[in-house]
Amino acid sequence: METRISGMQRTQRMVTSPTQWRLLLRLAVGPATSGQLRLLGSWRELWRLWHRHLIMFHVKQWRWGLTAEGESLRPVFRAIQACITE
């Protein structure tokens, strides 16, 4: 139980706004262009996620995607999606 609590506290420190969550949930579906992500939030929030090593920019694909660290949040993404669809 304590592992879950410390993991959630760590996540809350890394993802600090609803806009960041929207961006991460979109990227959990798959890579996205800057234009697609711009519709969901500001460049500042995108930069903050990049700075925290949760997302990266693939130059050859010209798309944003989740890093391994971002992928580690996938159980959280699934839980949020389950709440949204119910």
PDB file of N, CA and C in Angstrom:
ATOM      1  N   MET A   1       0.823  -1.198   0.000  1.00  0.00           N
ATOM      2  CA  MET A   1       0.000   0.000   0.000  1.00  0.00           C
ATOM      3  C   MET A   1       0.864   1.258   0.000  1.00  0.00           C
ATOM      4  N   GLU A   2       1.928   1.270   0.807  1.00  0.00           N
ATOM      5  CA  GLU A   2       2.785   2.442   0.864  1.00  0.00           C
ATOM      6  C   GLU A   2       3.478   2.702  -0.466  1.00  0.00           C
ATOM      7  N   THR A   3       3.776   1.645  -1.208  1.00  0.00           N
ATOM      8  CA  THR A   3       4.388   1.804  -2.516  1.00  0.00           C
ATOM      9  C   THR A   3       3.442   2.544  -3.444  1.00  0.00           C
ATOM     10  N   ARG A   4       2.159   2.195  -3.405  1.00  0.00           N
ATOM     11  CA  ARG A   4       1.165   2.880  -4.227  1.00  0.00           C
ATOM     12  C   ARG A   4       1.057   4.346  -3.850  1.00  0.00           C
ATOM     13  N   ILE A   5       1.036   4.624  -2.563  1.00  0.00           N
ATOM     14  CA  ILE A   5       0.906   6.003  -2.093  1.00  0.00           C
ATOM     15  C   ILE A   5       2.127   6.813  -2.511  1.00  0.00           C
ATOM     16  N   SER A   6       3.321   6.284  -2.336  1.00  0.00           N
ATOM     17  CA  SER A   6       4.512   7.040  -2.729  1.00  0.00           C
ATOM     18  C   SER A   6       4.554   7.217  -4.239  1.00  0.00           C
ATOM     19  N   GLY A   7       4.093   6.208  -4.999  1.00  0.00           N
ATOM     20  CA  GLY A   7       4.037   6.342  -6.453  1.00  0.00           C
ATOM     21  C   GLY A   7       3.064   7.426  -6.884  1.00  0.00           C
ATOM     22  N   MET A   8       1.920   7.498  -6.214  1.00  0.00           N
ATOM     23  CA  MET A   8       0.943   8.525  -6.552  1.00  0.00           C
ATOM     24  C   MET A   8       1.451   9.909  -6.169  1.00  0.00           C
ATOM     25  N   GLN A   9       2.110  10.023  -5.034  1.00  0.00           N
ATOM     26  CA  GLN A   9       2.673  11.316  -4.631  1.00  0.00           C
ATOM     27  C   GLN A   9       3.730  11.775  -5.626  1.00  0.00           C
ATOM     28  N   ARG A  10       4.538  10.851  -6.096  1.00  0.00           N
ATOM     29  CA  ARG A  10       5.563  11.171  -7.102  1.00  0.00           C
ATOM     30  C   ARG A  10       4.896  11.643  -8.388  1.00  0.00           C
ATOM     31  N   THR A  11       3.837  10.956  -8.795  1.00  0.00           N
ATOM     32  CA  THR A  11       3.105  11.347  -9.998  1.00  0.00           C
ATOM     33  C   THR A  11       2.500  12.729  -9.836  1.00  0.00           C
ATOM     34  N   GLN A  12       1.938  13.017  -8.688  1.00  0.00           N
ATOM     35  CA  GLN A  12       1.334  14.329  -8.436  1.00  0.00           C
ATOM     36  C   GLN A  12       2.372  15.444  -8.477  1.00  0.00           C
ATOM     37  N   ARG A  13       3.614  15.145  -8.101  1.00  0.00           N
ATOM     38  CA  ARG A  13       4.674  16.155  -8.178  1.00  0.00           C
ATOM     39  C   ARG A  13       5.103  16.385  -9.625  1.00  0.00           C
ATOM     40  N   MET A  14       5.011  15.350 -10.456  1.00  0.00           N
ATOM     41  CA  MET A  14       5.464  15.454 -11.843  1.00  0.00           C
ATOM     42  C   MET A  14       4.398  16.047 -12.758  1.00  0.00           C
ATOM     43  N   VAL A  15       3.155  15.711 -12.530  1.00  0.00           N
ATOM     44  CA  VAL A  15       2.048  16.183 -13.367  1.00  0.00           C
ATOM     45  C   VAL A  15       1.193  17.095 -12.499  1.00  0.00           C
ATOM     46  N   THR A  16       1.283  18.400 -12.758  1.00  0.00           N
ATOM     47  CA  THR A  16       0.745  19.367 -11.805  1.00  0.00           C
ATOM     48  C   THR A  16      -0.489  20.126 -12.274  1.00  0.00           C
ATOM     49  N   SER A  17      -0.979  19.846 -13.486  1.00  0.00           N
ATOM     50  CA  SER A  17      -2.148  20.598 -13.952  1.00  0.00           C
ATOM     51  C   SER A  17      -3.055  19.717 -14.797  1.00  0.00           C
ATOM     52  N   PRO A  18      -4.343  20.082 -14.890  1.00  0.00           N
ATOM     53  CA  PRO A  18      -5.268  19.334 -15.747  1.00  0.00           C
ATOM     54  C   PRO A  18      -4.822  19.324 -17.216  1.00  0.00           C
ATOM     55  N   THR A  19      -4.219  20.409 -17.664  1.00  0.00           N
ATOM     56  CA  THR A  19      -3.741  20.469 -19.046  1.00  0.00           C
ATOM     57  C   THR A  19      -2.665  19.420 -19.284  1.00  0.00           C
ATOM     58  N   GLN A  20      -1.769  19.255 -18.348  1.00  0.00           N
ATOM     59  CA  GLN A  20      -0.727  18.235 -18.483  1.00  0.00           C
ATOM     60  C   GLN A  20      -1.349  16.845 -18.547  1.00  0.00           C
ATOM     61  N   TRP A  21      -2.376  16.600 -17.744  1.00  0.00           N
ATOM     62  CA  TRP A  21      -3.048  15.304 -17.797  1.00  0.00           C
ATOM     63  C   TRP A  21      -3.695  15.080 -19.153  1.00  0.00           C
ATOM     64  N   ARG A  22      -4.344  16.120 -19.707  1.00  0.00           N
ATOM     65  CA  ARG A  22      -4.957  15.992 -21.030  1.00  0.00           C
ATOM     66  C   ARG A  22      -3.917  15.643 -22.083  1.00  0.00           C
ATOM     67  N   LEU A  23      -2.779  16.320 -22.027  1.00  0.00           N
ATOM     68  CA  LEU A  23      -1.711  16.043 -22.984  1.00  0.00           C
ATOM     69  C   LEU A  23      -1.204  14.613 -22.846  1.00  0.00           C
ATOM     70  N   LEU A  24      -0.983  14.171 -21.636  1.00  0.00           N
ATOM     71  CA  LEU A  24      -0.492  12.816 -21.407  1.00  0.00           C
ATOM     72  C   LEU A  24      -1.512  11.761 -21.832  1.00  0.00           C
ATOM     73  N   LEU A  25      -2.786  12.010 -21.538  1.00  0.00           N
ATOM     74  CA  LEU A  25      -3.819  11.058 -21.954  1.00  0.00           C
ATOM     75  C   LEU A  25      -3.893  10.964 -23.471  1.00  0.00           C
ATOM     76  N   ARG A  26      -3.707  12.080 -24.157  1.00  0.00           N
ATOM     77  CA  ARG A  26      -3.708  12.041 -25.620  1.00  0.00           C
ATOM     78  C   ARG A  26      -2.508  11.243 -26.133  1.00  0.00           C
ATOM     79  N   LEU A  27      -1.346  11.455 -25.529  1.00  0.00           N
ATOM     80  CA  LEU A  27      -0.148  10.740 -25.961  1.00  0.00           C
ATOM     81  C   LEU A  27      -0.179   9.263 -25.573  1.00  0.00           C
ATOM     82  N   ALA A  28      -0.977   8.913 -24.588  1.00  0.00           N
ATOM     83  CA  ALA A  28      -1.119   7.506 -24.223  1.00  0.00           C
ATOM     84  C   ALA A  28      -1.794   6.724 -25.345  1.00  0.00           C
ATOM     85  N   VAL A  29      -2.589   7.407 -26.163  1.00  0.00           N
ATOM     86  CA  VAL A  29      -3.248   6.777 -27.304  1.00  0.00           C
ATOM     87  C   VAL A  29      -2.232   6.503 -28.405  1.00  0.00           C
ATOM     88  N   GLY A  30      -1.251   7.397 -28.557  1.00  0.00           N
ATOM     89  CA  GLY A  30      -0.220   7.257 -29.578  1.00  0.00           C
ATOM     90  C   GLY A  30       0.449   8.595 -29.839  1.00  0.00           C
ATOM     91  N   PRO A  31       1.504   8.589 -30.652  1.00  0.00           N
ATOM     92  CA  PRO A  31       2.211   9.835 -30.962  1.00  0.00           C
ATOM     93  C   PRO A  31       1.286  10.874 -31.600  1.00  0.00           C
ATOM     94  N   ALA A  32       1.615  12.143 -31.398  1.00  0.00           N
ATOM     95  CA  ALA A  32       0.803  13.237 -31.929  1.00  0.00           C
ATOM     96  C   ALA A  32       1.698  14.363 -32.414  1.00  0.00           C
ATOM     97  N   THR A  33       1.203  15.123 -33.370  1.00  0.00           N
ATOM     98  CA  THR A  33       1.941  16.280 -33.872  1.00  0.00           C
ATOM     99  C   THR A  33       1.801  17.434 -32.895  1.00  0.00           C
ATOM    100  N   SER A  34       2.635  18.428 -33.067  1.00  0.00           N
ATOM    101  CA  SER A  34       2.566  19.626 -32.222  1.00  0.00           C
ATOM    102  C   SER A  34       1.219  20.312 -32.383  1.00  0.00           C
ATOM    103  N   GLY A  35       0.707  20.342 -33.606  1.00  0.00           N
ATOM    104  CA  GLY A  35      -0.589  20.964 -33.863  1.00  0.00           C
ATOM    105  C   GLY A  35      -1.722  20.265 -33.129  1.00  0.00           C
ATOM    106  N   GLN A  36      -1.697  18.944 -33.108  1.00  0.00           N
ATOM    107  CA  GLN A  36      -2.727  18.189 -32.398  1.00  0.00           C
ATOM    108  C   GLN A  36      -2.671  18.461 -30.898  1.00  0.00           C
ATOM    109  N   LEU A  37      -1.472  18.552 -30.368  1.00  0.00           N
ATOM    110  CA  LEU A  37      -1.326  18.796 -28.931  1.00  0.00           C
ATOM    111  C   LEU A  37      -1.634  20.241 -28.571  1.00  0.00           C
ATOM    112  N   ARG A  38      -1.377  21.138 -29.495  1.00  0.00           N
ATOM    113  CA  ARG A  38      -1.643  22.560 -29.237  1.00  0.00           C
ATOM    114  C   ARG A  38      -3.125  22.790 -28.967  1.00  0.00           C
ATOM    115  N   LEU A  39      -3.981  21.981 -29.571  1.00  0.00           N
ATOM    116  CA  LEU A  39      -5.420  22.110 -29.337  1.00  0.00           C
ATOM    117  C   LEU A  39      -5.797  21.756 -27.900  1.00  0.00           C
ATOM    118  N   LEU A  40      -4.977  20.962 -27.236  1.00  0.00           N
ATOM    119  CA  LEU A  40      -5.275  20.508 -25.877  1.00  0.00           C
ATOM    120  C   LEU A  40      -4.677  21.386 -24.790  1.00  0.00           C
ATOM    121  N   GLY A  41      -3.652  22.151 -25.106  1.00  0.00           N
ATOM    122  CA  GLY A  41      -3.011  22.928 -24.055  1.00  0.00           C
ATOM    123  C   GLY A  41      -1.950  23.865 -24.573  1.00  0.00           C
ATOM    124  N   SER A  42      -1.260  24.472 -23.642  1.00  0.00           N
ATOM    125  CA  SER A  42      -0.262  25.470 -23.984  1.00  0.00           C
ATOM    126  C   SER A  42       1.113  24.831 -24.189  1.00  0.00           C
ATOM    127  N   TRP A  43       1.961  25.563 -24.875  1.00  0.00           N
ATOM    128  CA  TRP A  43       3.339  25.107 -25.084  1.00  0.00           C
ATOM    129  C   TRP A  43       4.072  25.003 -23.761  1.00  0.00           C
ATOM    130  N   ARG A  44       3.716  25.860 -22.818  1.00  0.00           N
ATOM    131  CA  ARG A  44       4.375  25.842 -21.509  1.00  0.00           C
ATOM    132  C   ARG A  44       4.151  24.505 -20.807  1.00  0.00           C
ATOM    133  N   GLU A  45       2.927  24.001 -20.863  1.00  0.00           N
ATOM    134  CA  GLU A  45       2.628  22.718 -20.230  1.00  0.00           C
ATOM    135  C   GLU A  45       3.328  21.574 -20.959  1.00  0.00           C
ATOM    136  N   LEU A  46       3.397  21.665 -22.274  1.00  0.00           N
ATOM    137  CA  LEU A  46       4.109  20.658 -23.062  1.00  0.00           C
ATOM    138  C   LEU A  46       5.591  20.658 -22.681  1.00  0.00           C
ATOM    139  N   TRP A  47       6.163  21.847 -22.559  1.00  0.00           N
ATOM    140  CA  TRP A  47       7.567  21.973 -22.175  1.00  0.00           C
ATOM    141  C   TRP A  47       7.809  21.400 -20.783  1.00  0.00           C
ATOM    142  N   ARG A  48       6.889  21.635 -19.864  1.00  0.00           N
ATOM    143  CA  ARG A  48       7.057  21.110 -18.499  1.00  0.00           C
ATOM    144  C   ARG A  48       7.082  19.584 -18.480  1.00  0.00           C
ATOM    145  N   LEU A  49       6.219  18.976 -19.283  1.00  0.00           N
ATOM    146  CA  LEU A  49       6.225  17.510 -19.372  1.00  0.00           C
ATOM    147  C   LEU A  49       7.527  17.020 -19.990  1.00  0.00           C
ATOM    148  N   TRP A  50       8.015  17.719 -20.999  1.00  0.00           N
ATOM    149  CA  TRP A  50       9.288  17.357 -21.630  1.00  0.00           C
ATOM    150  C   TRP A  50      10.432  17.519 -20.625  1.00  0.00           C
ATOM    151  N   HIS A  51      10.406  18.608 -19.873  1.00  0.00           N
ATOM    152  CA  HIS A  51      11.444  18.890 -18.877  1.00  0.00           C
ATOM    153  C   HIS A  51      11.477  17.814 -17.786  1.00  0.00           C
ATOM    154  N   ARG A  52      10.329  17.231 -17.485  1.00  0.00           N
ATOM    155  CA  ARG A  52      10.246  16.165 -16.467  1.00  0.00           C
ATOM    156  C   ARG A  52      10.485  14.783 -17.071  1.00  0.00           C
ATOM    157  N   HIS A  53      10.871  14.753 -18.344  1.00  0.00           N
ATOM    158  CA  HIS A  53      11.212  13.504 -19.054  1.00  0.00           C
ATOM    159  C   HIS A  53      10.037  12.546 -19.189  1.00  0.00           C
ATOM    160  N   LEU A  54       8.819  13.094 -19.288  1.00  0.00           N
ATOM    161  CA  LEU A  54       7.646  12.254 -19.494  1.00  0.00           C
ATOM    162  C   LEU A  54       7.307  12.114 -20.970  1.00  0.00           C
ATOM    163  N   ILE A  55       7.712  13.107 -21.768  1.00  0.00           N
ATOM    164  CA  ILE A  55       7.450  13.064 -23.207  1.00  0.00           C
ATOM    165  C   ILE A  55       8.727  13.414 -23.960  1.00  0.00           C
ATOM    166  N   MET A  56       8.749  13.046 -25.246  1.00  0.00           N
ATOM    167  CA  MET A  56       9.900  13.386 -26.087  1.00  0.00           C
ATOM    168  C   MET A  56       9.403  13.695 -27.490  1.00  0.00           C
ATOM    169  N   PHE A  57      10.235  14.372 -28.252  1.00  0.00           N
ATOM    170  CA  PHE A  57       9.914  14.717 -29.623  1.00  0.00           C
ATOM    171  C   PHE A  57      10.744  13.845 -30.553  1.00  0.00           C
ATOM    172  N   HIS A  58      10.066  13.112 -31.430  1.00  0.00           N
ATOM    173  CA  HIS A  58      10.737  12.269 -32.415  1.00  0.00           C
ATOM    174  C   HIS A  58      10.966  13.115 -33.666  1.00  0.00           C
ATOM    175  N   VAL A  59      12.204  13.479 -33.916  1.00  0.00           N
ATOM    176  CA  VAL A  59      12.524  14.378 -35.024  1.00  0.00           C
ATOM    177  C   VAL A  59      12.177  13.743 -36.373  1.00  0.00           C
ATOM    178  N   LYS A  60      12.526  12.490 -36.587  1.00  0.00           N
ATOM    179  CA  LYS A  60      12.264  11.850 -37.879  1.00  0.00           C
ATOM    180  C   LYS A  60      10.767  11.711 -38.157  1.00  0.00           C
ATOM    181  N   GLN A  61       9.993  11.449 -37.133  1.00  0.00           N
ATOM    182  CA  GLN A  61       8.542  11.292 -37.297  1.00  0.00           C
ATOM    183  C   GLN A  61       7.801  12.618 -37.165  1.00  0.00           C
ATOM    184  N   TRP A  62       8.482  13.602 -36.630  1.00  0.00           N
ATOM    185  CA  TRP A  62       7.903  14.929 -36.378  1.00  0.00           C
ATOM    186  C   TRP A  62       6.681  14.820 -35.472  1.00  0.00           C
ATOM    187  N   ARG A  63       6.828  14.000 -34.429  1.00  0.00           N
ATOM    188  CA  ARG A  63       5.735  13.739 -33.500  1.00  0.00           C
ATOM    189  C   ARG A  63       6.242  13.685 -32.057  1.00  0.00           C
ATOM    190  N   TRP A  64       5.321  13.973 -31.145  1.00  0.00           N
ATOM    191  CA  TRP A  64       5.575  13.829 -29.717  1.00  0.00           C
ATOM    192  C   TRP A  64       5.101  12.453 -29.280  1.00  0.00           C
ATOM    193  N   GLY A  65       5.789  11.887 -28.287  1.00  0.00           N
ATOM    194  CA  GLY A  65       5.397  10.593 -27.736  1.00  0.00           C
ATOM    195  C   GLY A  65       5.822  10.490 -26.284  1.00  0.00           C
ATOM    196  N   LEU A  66       5.389   9.438 -25.638  1.00  0.00           N
ATOM    197  CA  LEU A  66       5.756   9.190 -24.244  1.00  0.00           C
ATOM    198  C   LEU A  66       7.153   8.599 -24.161  1.00  0.00           C
ATOM    199  N   THR A  67       7.886   8.975 -23.146  1.00  0.00           N
ATOM    200  CA  THR A  67       9.170   8.350 -22.848  1.00  0.00           C
ATOM    201  C   THR A  67       8.900   7.082 -22.036  1.00  0.00           C
ATOM    202  N   ALA A  68       9.945   6.366 -21.685  1.00  0.00           N
ATOM    203  CA  ALA A  68       9.783   5.194 -20.813  1.00  0.00           C
ATOM    204  C   ALA A  68       9.194   5.616 -19.470  1.00  0.00           C
ATOM    205  N   GLU A  69       9.616   6.769 -18.987  1.00  0.00           N
ATOM    206  CA  GLU A  69       9.073   7.301 -17.728  1.00  0.00           C
ATOM    207  C   GLU A  69       7.583   7.604 -17.882  1.00  0.00           C
ATOM    208  N   GLY A  70       7.210   8.193 -19.011  1.00  0.00           N
ATOM    209  CA  GLY A  70       5.803   8.462 -19.284  1.00  0.00           C
ATOM    210  C   GLY A  70       4.997   7.184 -19.425  1.00  0.00           C
ATOM    211  N   GLU A  71       5.588   6.192 -20.057  1.00  0.00           N
ATOM    212  CA  GLU A  71       4.921   4.893 -20.206  1.00  0.00           C
ATOM    213  C   GLU A  71       4.671   4.239 -18.856  1.00  0.00           C
ATOM    214  N   SER A  72       5.512   4.541 -17.879  1.00  0.00           N
ATOM    215  CA  SER A  72       5.326   3.949 -16.550  1.00  0.00           C
ATOM    216  C   SER A  72       4.036   4.432 -15.882  1.00  0.00           C
ATOM    217  N   LEU A  73       3.448   5.506 -16.406  1.00  0.00           N
ATOM    218  CA  LEU A  73       2.193   6.034 -15.867  1.00  0.00           C
ATOM    219  C   LEU A  73       0.969   5.391 -16.526  1.00  0.00           C
ATOM    220  N   ARG A  74       1.187   4.437 -17.414  1.00  0.00           N
ATOM    221  CA  ARG A  74       0.084   3.822 -18.150  1.00  0.00           C
ATOM    222  C   ARG A  74      -1.020   3.265 -17.232  1.00  0.00           C
ATOM    223  N   PRO A  75      -0.721   2.638 -16.080  1.00  0.00           N
ATOM    224  CA  PRO A  75      -1.817   2.190 -15.193  1.00  0.00           C
ATOM    225  C   PRO A  75      -2.691   3.360 -14.709  1.00  0.00           C
ATOM    226  N   VAL A  76      -2.071   4.495 -14.479  1.00  0.00           N
ATOM    227  CA  VAL A  76      -2.828   5.683 -14.069  1.00  0.00           C
ATOM    228  C   VAL A  76      -3.716   6.145 -15.224  1.00  0.00           C
ATOM    229  N   PHE A  77      -3.173   6.158 -16.442  1.00  0.00           N
ATOM    230  CA  PHE A  77      -3.951   6.550 -17.610  1.00  0.00           C
ATOM    231  C   PHE A  77      -5.170   5.646 -17.794  1.00  0.00           C
ATOM    232  N   ARG A  78      -4.956   4.326 -17.632  1.00  0.00           N
ATOM    233  CA  ARG A  78      -6.057   3.375 -17.790  1.00  0.00           C
ATOM    234  C   ARG A  78      -7.147   3.638 -16.732  1.00  0.00           C
ATOM    235  N   ALA A  79      -6.738   3.924 -15.509  1.00  0.00           N
ATOM    236  CA  ALA A  79      -7.704   4.203 -14.441  1.00  0.00           C
ATOM    237  C   ALA A  79      -8.507   5.480 -14.753  1.00  0.00           C
ATOM    238  N   ILE A  80      -7.833   6.500 -15.238  1.00  0.00           N
ATOM    239  CA  ILE A  80      -8.529   7.740 -15.595  1.00  0.00           C
ATOM    240  C   ILE A  80      -9.493   7.490 -16.750  1.00  0.00           C
ATOM    241  N   GLN A  81      -9.046   6.772 -17.782  1.00  0.00           N
ATOM    242  CA  GLN A  81      -9.912   6.468 -18.918  1.00  0.00           C
ATOM    243  C   GLN A  81     -11.138   5.662 -18.472  1.00  0.00           C
ATOM    244  N   ALA A  82     -10.940   4.729 -17.544  1.00  0.00           N
ATOM    245  CA  ALA A  82     -12.066   3.939 -17.043  1.00  0.00           C
ATOM    246  C   ALA A  82     -13.089   4.823 -16.337  1.00  0.00           C
ATOM    247  N   CYS A  83     -12.618   5.815 -15.597  1.00  0.00           N
ATOM    248  CA  CYS A  83     -13.529   6.742 -14.910  1.00  0.00           C
ATOM    249  C   CYS A  83     -14.264   7.618 -15.906  1.00  0.00           C
ATOM    250  N   ILE A  84     -13.590   8.008 -16.976  1.00  0.00           N
ATOM    251  CA  ILE A  84     -14.200   8.890 -17.979  1.00  0.00           C
ATOM    252  C   ILE A  84     -15.288   8.155 -18.748  1.00  0.00           C
ATOM    253  N   THR A  85     -15.053   6.894 -19.068  1.00  0.00           N
ATOM    254  CA  THR A  85     -16.005   6.160 -19.908  1.00  0.00           C
ATOM    255  C   THR A  85     -17.191   5.589 -19.130  1.00  0.00           C
ATOM    256  N   GLU A  86     -17.114   5.561 -17.825  1.00  0.00           N
ATOM    257  CA  GLU A  86     -18.229   5.017 -17.037  1.00  0.00           C
ATOM    258  C   GLU A  86     -19.324   6.008 -16.847  1.00  0.00           C
TER     259      GLU A  86
END
